[in-house]
């Protein structure tokens, strides 16, 4: 059985991951409306990943005697002034999610919940990748995105991203 606080934090994370998917779908819509379909694709794939993360947290909670409580998903409320806005917001959001994962890890560590810590190890690594990818997008946009040809090339590269199922198996 999971510690009560650990279970509560995991349940909160389920909902935060679904919010992340919702947020990235909002970014995808923003780019789709601007005919930047590669950027839209990148965030649609990102939304799929976040949904899968939520499902992994749900399954872990259920497999360990926890109860999943799904909450309402907040409406994304970001307004962007340029095409770099969602990229910067995405990086900020990934840093925030990393903090949430670390808080669960800390709670599990404090009660010597080694199984949950092992489960979270994958997410700690994943968040490192998420932050690096988001940071790279911001940097590449800052270098090339203000030039129409550069923006076109970035958009074309982002269109090539394909969805990969998470490697974590429960």
Protein backbone atom coordinates (compact mmCIF):
# COMPACT_ATOMS: atom_id res chain seq x y z
CA UNK A 1 0.00 0.00 0.00
CA UNK A 2 1.13 3.49 -0.77
CA UNK A 3 1.70 6.13 1.85
CA UNK A 4 -1.28 8.49 1.91
CA UNK A 5 0.74 11.61 1.01
CA UNK A 6 2.59 9.79 -1.79
CA UNK A 7 -0.72 8.52 -3.20
CA UNK A 8 -2.23 12.02 -3.06
CA UNK A 9 0.75 13.52 -4.88
CA UNK A 10 0.60 10.84 -7.56
CA UNK A 11 -3.11 11.51 -8.01
CA UNK A 12 -2.40 15.24 -8.39
CA UNK A 13 0.26 14.31 -10.96
CA UNK A 14 -2.29 12.33 -12.99
CA UNK A 15 -4.33 15.50 -13.34
CA UNK A 16 -1.26 17.68 -14.01
CA UNK A 17 -0.19 15.35 -16.83
CA UNK A 18 -3.65 15.56 -18.40
CA UNK A 19 -3.42 19.36 -18.09
CA UNK A 20 -0.03 19.21 -19.83
CA UNK A 21 -1.63 17.34 -22.73
CA UNK A 22 -4.41 19.93 -22.86
CA UNK A 23 -1.89 22.78 -22.77
CA UNK A 24 0.12 21.30 -25.63
CA UNK A 25 -3.01 20.77 -27.68
CA UNK A 26 -3.70 24.47 -27.18
CA UNK A 27 -0.19 25.25 -28.45
CA UNK A 28 -0.81 22.95 -31.44
CA UNK A 29 -4.02 24.80 -32.24
CA UNK A 30 -2.22 28.15 -32.02
CA UNK A 31 0.36 27.00 -34.54
CA UNK A 32 -2.20 25.28 -36.79
CA UNK A 33 -4.14 28.56 -37.05
CA UNK A 34 -0.91 30.26 -38.17
CA UNK A 35 -0.29 27.51 -40.78
CA UNK A 36 2.83 26.39 -38.93
CA UNK A 37 1.80 22.78 -39.21
CA UNK A 38 5.21 21.37 -38.23
CA UNK A 39 5.10 23.22 -34.91
CA UNK A 40 1.50 22.03 -34.51
CA UNK A 41 2.62 18.45 -35.16
CA UNK A 42 5.41 18.73 -32.61
CA UNK A 43 2.96 19.78 -29.90
CA UNK A 44 0.35 17.20 -30.89
CA UNK A 45 2.98 14.50 -30.41
CA UNK A 46 3.94 16.13 -27.11
CA UNK A 47 0.29 16.04 -26.01
CA UNK A 48 0.15 12.30 -26.76
CA UNK A 49 3.23 11.75 -24.60
CA UNK A 50 1.73 13.70 -21.71
CA UNK A 51 -1.50 11.73 -21.94
CA UNK A 52 0.50 8.51 -21.77
CA UNK A 53 2.36 9.83 -18.73
CA UNK A 54 -0.98 10.45 -17.02
CA UNK A 55 -2.07 6.91 -17.85
CA UNK A 56 1.16 5.49 -16.42
CA UNK A 57 0.65 7.39 -13.16
CA UNK A 58 -2.97 6.18 -13.05
CA UNK A 59 -1.96 2.57 -13.60
CA UNK A 60 0.78 2.77 -10.98
CA UNK A 61 -1.65 4.22 -8.46
CA UNK A 62 -4.24 1.55 -9.22
CA UNK A 63 -1.64 -1.26 -9.14
CA UNK A 64 -0.61 -0.16 -5.66
CA UNK A 65 -3.97 0.18 -3.97
CA UNK A 66 -4.53 3.87 -4.63
CA UNK A 67 -7.72 5.50 -5.80
CA UNK A 68 -7.65 7.73 -8.86
CA UNK A 69 -9.69 10.91 -8.63
CA UNK A 70 -9.96 12.79 -11.89
CA UNK A 71 -10.42 16.51 -11.47
CA UNK A 72 -11.55 19.16 -13.93
CA UNK A 73 -8.81 20.21 -16.32
CA UNK A 74 -8.13 23.92 -16.29
CA UNK A 75 -8.45 25.80 -19.55
CA UNK A 76 -5.07 26.98 -20.85
CA UNK A 77 -5.07 30.75 -20.62
CA UNK A 78 -1.81 31.81 -22.26
CA UNK A 79 -1.88 34.55 -24.87
CA UNK A 80 1.08 34.77 -27.22
CA UNK A 81 2.54 37.78 -28.96
CA UNK A 82 4.84 35.84 -31.28
CA UNK A 83 5.60 32.32 -32.44
CA UNK A 84 8.27 31.90 -29.78
CA UNK A 85 5.73 32.36 -26.98
CA UNK A 86 4.46 28.78 -26.79
CA UNK A 87 8.02 27.47 -26.93
CA UNK A 88 9.04 29.57 -23.92
CA UNK A 89 5.83 28.65 -22.09
CA UNK A 90 6.50 24.99 -22.87
CA UNK A 91 9.96 25.20 -21.31
CA UNK A 92 8.57 26.92 -18.20
CA UNK A 93 5.89 24.25 -17.95
CA UNK A 94 8.39 21.39 -18.21
CA UNK A 95 10.49 22.94 -15.44
CA UNK A 96 7.32 23.15 -13.32
CA UNK A 97 6.47 19.49 -14.01
CA UNK A 98 10.01 18.48 -13.04
CA UNK A 99 9.44 20.17 -9.68
CA UNK A 100 6.22 18.19 -9.22
CA UNK A 101 7.99 14.90 -9.96
CA UNK A 102 10.77 15.81 -7.52
CA UNK A 103 8.17 16.54 -4.81
CA UNK A 104 6.66 13.07 -5.24
CA UNK A 105 10.13 11.53 -5.18
CA UNK A 106 10.96 13.44 -2.01
CA UNK A 107 7.75 12.25 -0.33
CA UNK A 108 8.47 8.65 -1.36
CA UNK A 109 12.06 8.94 -0.13
CA UNK A 110 10.93 10.27 3.25
CA UNK A 111 8.85 7.11 3.88
CA UNK A 112 11.38 4.75 2.26
CA UNK A 113 8.98 3.85 -0.56
CA UNK A 114 11.62 2.34 -2.81
CA UNK A 115 9.12 0.93 -5.31
CA UNK A 116 7.70 4.39 -6.01
CA UNK A 117 11.18 5.87 -6.17
CA UNK A 118 12.14 3.25 -8.76
CA UNK A 119 8.98 4.02 -10.74
CA UNK A 120 9.75 7.74 -10.58
CA UNK A 121 13.33 7.24 -11.78
CA UNK A 122 11.98 6.90 -15.33
CA UNK A 123 10.09 10.18 -15.00
CA UNK A 124 13.12 11.99 -13.57
CA UNK A 125 15.10 10.92 -16.65
CA UNK A 126 12.17 11.74 -18.94
CA UNK A 127 11.86 15.24 -17.48
CA UNK A 128 15.54 15.84 -18.14
CA UNK A 129 14.87 14.99 -21.79
CA UNK A 130 11.70 17.11 -21.85
CA UNK A 131 13.49 20.16 -20.48
CA UNK A 132 16.40 19.74 -22.90
CA UNK A 133 14.06 19.39 -25.89
CA UNK A 134 12.04 22.44 -24.83
CA UNK A 135 15.19 24.48 -24.23
CA UNK A 136 16.58 23.45 -27.63
CA UNK A 137 13.36 24.57 -29.32
CA UNK A 138 13.58 27.98 -27.66
CA UNK A 139 17.23 28.39 -28.60
CA UNK A 140 16.72 27.27 -32.18
CA UNK A 141 13.75 29.60 -32.58
CA UNK A 142 15.77 32.49 -31.19
CA UNK A 143 18.55 31.72 -33.69
CA UNK A 144 16.48 31.04 -36.81
CA UNK A 145 12.79 31.68 -36.20
CA UNK A 146 12.69 35.41 -36.89
CA UNK A 147 13.79 34.90 -40.48
CA UNK A 148 11.00 33.58 -42.77
CA UNK A 149 13.31 31.00 -44.39
CA UNK A 150 14.61 29.89 -41.01
CA UNK A 151 11.08 29.62 -39.64
CA UNK A 152 10.10 27.56 -42.67
CA UNK A 153 13.02 25.18 -42.10
CA UNK A 154 12.24 24.80 -38.38
CA UNK A 155 8.61 24.14 -39.21
CA UNK A 156 9.64 21.49 -41.75
CA UNK A 157 11.91 19.78 -39.22
CA UNK A 158 9.20 19.75 -36.57
CA UNK A 159 6.75 18.19 -39.02
CA UNK A 160 8.94 15.08 -39.08
CA UNK A 161 8.44 14.28 -35.39
CA UNK A 162 6.59 11.04 -34.82
CA UNK A 163 4.96 9.65 -31.73
CA UNK A 164 6.87 7.00 -29.77
CA UNK A 165 5.20 4.99 -27.05
CA UNK A 166 6.83 5.51 -23.64
CA UNK A 167 9.43 2.89 -22.78
CA UNK A 168 8.21 2.48 -19.18
CA UNK A 169 6.31 -0.76 -18.66
CA UNK A 170 4.40 -1.47 -15.47
